[in-house]
Amino acid sequence: MQRVFVYGTLKRGFRLHHNMREARFLGTGFVDGFAMYRVEWYPAIIETQDQPGRIFGEVFEVNDDTLAILDEVEDRGILYERFTRQVQMLSGLEGTVEALLYVYLDSIEGQERIHTGRFDSPD
């Protein structure tokens, strides 16, 4: 089992959450050192030293089958790559946990930055 931090369309109530049907919700949290952008209808985060921000999301426990589905949904190796980072928990689990998250690989040039670090638009 792996922990995964999701910050966009895979969150509860969002359009791609059905891919998480076998996942177990563990709580909410945030990661620092990233910037979030809107790319078409979905968010993308990049790791940055230039005006880094805080990204808010949800932490789930997933099995290998679900992780493989997420890799496919996120076009792992093409649009996104997954990395392990520390997530500071806000609810559910306490303290800091290690979780996988998907980081955008393509250019964010010309994309709208989401300064709040929250993707709150389910559609």
Protein backbone atom coordinates (compact mmCIF):
# COMPACT_ATOMS: atom_id res chain seq x y z
CA MET A 1 0.00 0.00 0.00
CA GLN A 2 1.13 3.52 -0.82
CA ARG A 3 0.00 6.95 0.30
CA VAL A 4 -0.91 9.40 -2.46
CA PHE A 5 -1.46 13.16 -2.16
CA VAL A 6 -4.03 14.45 -4.68
CA TYR A 7 -4.73 18.13 -5.26
CA GLY A 8 -7.07 18.32 -8.25
CA THR A 9 -9.53 16.25 -10.23
CA LEU A 10 -8.84 13.09 -8.18
CA LYS A 11 -10.11 14.67 -4.94
CA ARG A 12 -13.44 13.64 -3.45
CA GLY A 13 -16.35 15.17 -5.36
CA PHE A 14 -14.27 15.89 -8.47
CA ARG A 15 -14.64 14.46 -11.98
CA LEU A 16 -11.89 11.81 -11.83
CA HIS A 17 -12.37 10.66 -8.24
CA HIS A 18 -14.09 7.48 -9.47
CA ASN A 19 -10.56 6.22 -10.22
CA MET A 20 -9.99 6.23 -6.44
CA ARG A 21 -12.90 3.90 -5.60
CA GLU A 22 -10.61 1.37 -3.88
CA ALA A 23 -8.59 4.06 -2.09
CA ARG A 24 -8.97 4.84 1.59
CA PHE A 25 -9.23 8.52 2.55
CA LEU A 26 -6.72 9.39 5.30
CA GLY A 27 -7.19 13.15 5.65
CA THR A 28 -6.29 16.56 4.26
CA GLY A 29 -2.91 18.23 4.15
CA PHE A 30 -0.49 20.44 2.26
CA VAL A 31 2.93 20.41 0.62
CA ASP A 32 5.28 23.38 0.38
CA GLY A 33 7.69 24.37 -2.39
CA PHE A 34 5.33 24.09 -5.35
CA ALA A 35 3.34 26.37 -7.63
CA MET A 36 -0.09 25.43 -8.99
CA TYR A 37 -1.37 26.34 -12.45
CA ARG A 38 -4.63 25.77 -14.33
CA VAL A 39 -3.95 23.83 -17.53
CA GLU A 40 -7.19 23.62 -19.50
CA TRP A 41 -9.71 22.10 -17.04
CA TYR A 42 -7.26 20.58 -14.57
CA PRO A 43 -4.51 21.76 -12.22
CA ALA A 44 -0.80 21.12 -12.52
CA ILE A 45 1.92 21.66 -9.94
CA ILE A 46 5.61 22.26 -10.47
CA GLU A 47 8.35 22.26 -7.88
CA THR A 48 9.88 25.73 -7.74
CA GLN A 49 12.31 27.88 -5.80
CA ASP A 50 10.90 31.00 -7.51
CA GLN A 51 7.91 32.14 -5.43
CA PRO A 52 7.09 28.68 -4.08
CA GLY A 53 3.69 28.17 -2.58
CA ARG A 54 1.65 25.80 -0.51
CA ILE A 55 -0.52 23.21 -2.26
CA PHE A 56 -3.57 21.84 -0.45
CA GLY A 57 -5.04 18.42 -1.10
CA GLU A 58 -6.14 15.05 0.22
CA VAL A 59 -4.15 11.98 1.24
CA PHE A 60 -5.31 8.48 0.36
CA GLU A 61 -3.96 5.00 0.87
CA VAL A 62 -3.98 3.08 -2.42
CA ASN A 63 -3.12 -0.44 -3.52
CA ASP A 64 -0.87 -1.29 -6.47
CA ASP A 65 -3.83 -1.66 -8.85
CA THR A 66 -5.14 1.80 -8.03
CA LEU A 67 -1.65 3.27 -8.31
CA ALA A 68 -1.37 1.78 -11.81
CA ILE A 69 -4.71 3.38 -12.73
CA LEU A 70 -3.52 6.74 -11.40
CA ASP A 71 -0.31 6.46 -13.41
CA GLU A 72 -2.43 5.95 -16.53
CA VAL A 73 -4.85 8.78 -15.69
CA GLU A 74 -1.95 11.17 -15.07
CA ASP A 75 -0.03 10.07 -18.19
CA ARG A 76 2.95 9.23 -16.01
CA GLY A 77 6.21 9.87 -17.81
CA ILE A 78 4.52 12.08 -20.42
CA LEU A 79 2.51 14.81 -18.65
CA TYR A 80 3.26 14.00 -15.02
CA GLU A 81 5.80 12.13 -12.94
CA ARG A 82 5.27 10.94 -9.41
CA PHE A 83 7.61 11.81 -6.59
CA THR A 84 7.64 11.15 -2.86
CA ARG A 85 7.30 14.26 -0.69
CA GLN A 86 6.45 15.16 2.90
CA VAL A 87 2.82 16.16 3.48
CA GLN A 88 1.86 18.15 6.56
CA MET A 89 -1.49 16.78 7.68
CA LEU A 90 -4.35 19.13 8.59
CA SER A 91 -6.99 16.50 9.40
CA GLY A 92 -7.15 12.74 9.79
CA LEU A 93 -3.60 11.56 10.41
CA GLU A 94 -1.38 13.71 12.60
CA GLY A 95 1.99 15.27 11.86
CA THR A 96 3.86 14.79 8.63
CA VAL A 97 3.50 11.77 6.33
CA GLU A 98 5.36 10.66 3.25
CA ALA A 99 3.18 10.42 0.13
CA LEU A 100 3.45 10.20 -3.61
CA LEU A 101 2.31 13.17 -5.67
CA TYR A 102 2.15 13.91 -9.38
CA VAL A 103 4.27 16.80 -10.69
CA TYR A 104 3.67 18.34 -14.12
CA LEU A 105 6.41 17.79 -16.71
CA ASP A 106 5.25 20.07 -19.53
CA SER A 107 5.66 23.83 -19.84
CA ILE A 108 3.42 26.07 -17.74
CA GLU A 109 4.27 29.13 -19.83
CA GLY A 110 1.13 31.19 -20.42
CA GLN A 111 -0.92 29.20 -17.89
CA GLU A 112 -2.88 30.85 -15.08
CA ARG A 113 -1.27 30.45 -11.66
CA ILE A 114 -3.60 29.43 -8.83
CA HIS A 115 -2.02 31.44 -6.02
CA THR A 116 -4.23 29.94 -3.28
CA GLY A 117 -2.82 26.46 -3.91
CA ARG A 118 -6.39 25.13 -3.86
CA PHE A 119 -8.16 23.64 -6.86
CA ASP A 120 -11.78 24.15 -5.86
CA SER A 121 -13.62 23.74 -9.15
CA PRO A 122 -14.98 20.18 -9.55
CA ASP A 123 -15.90 20.73 -13.22
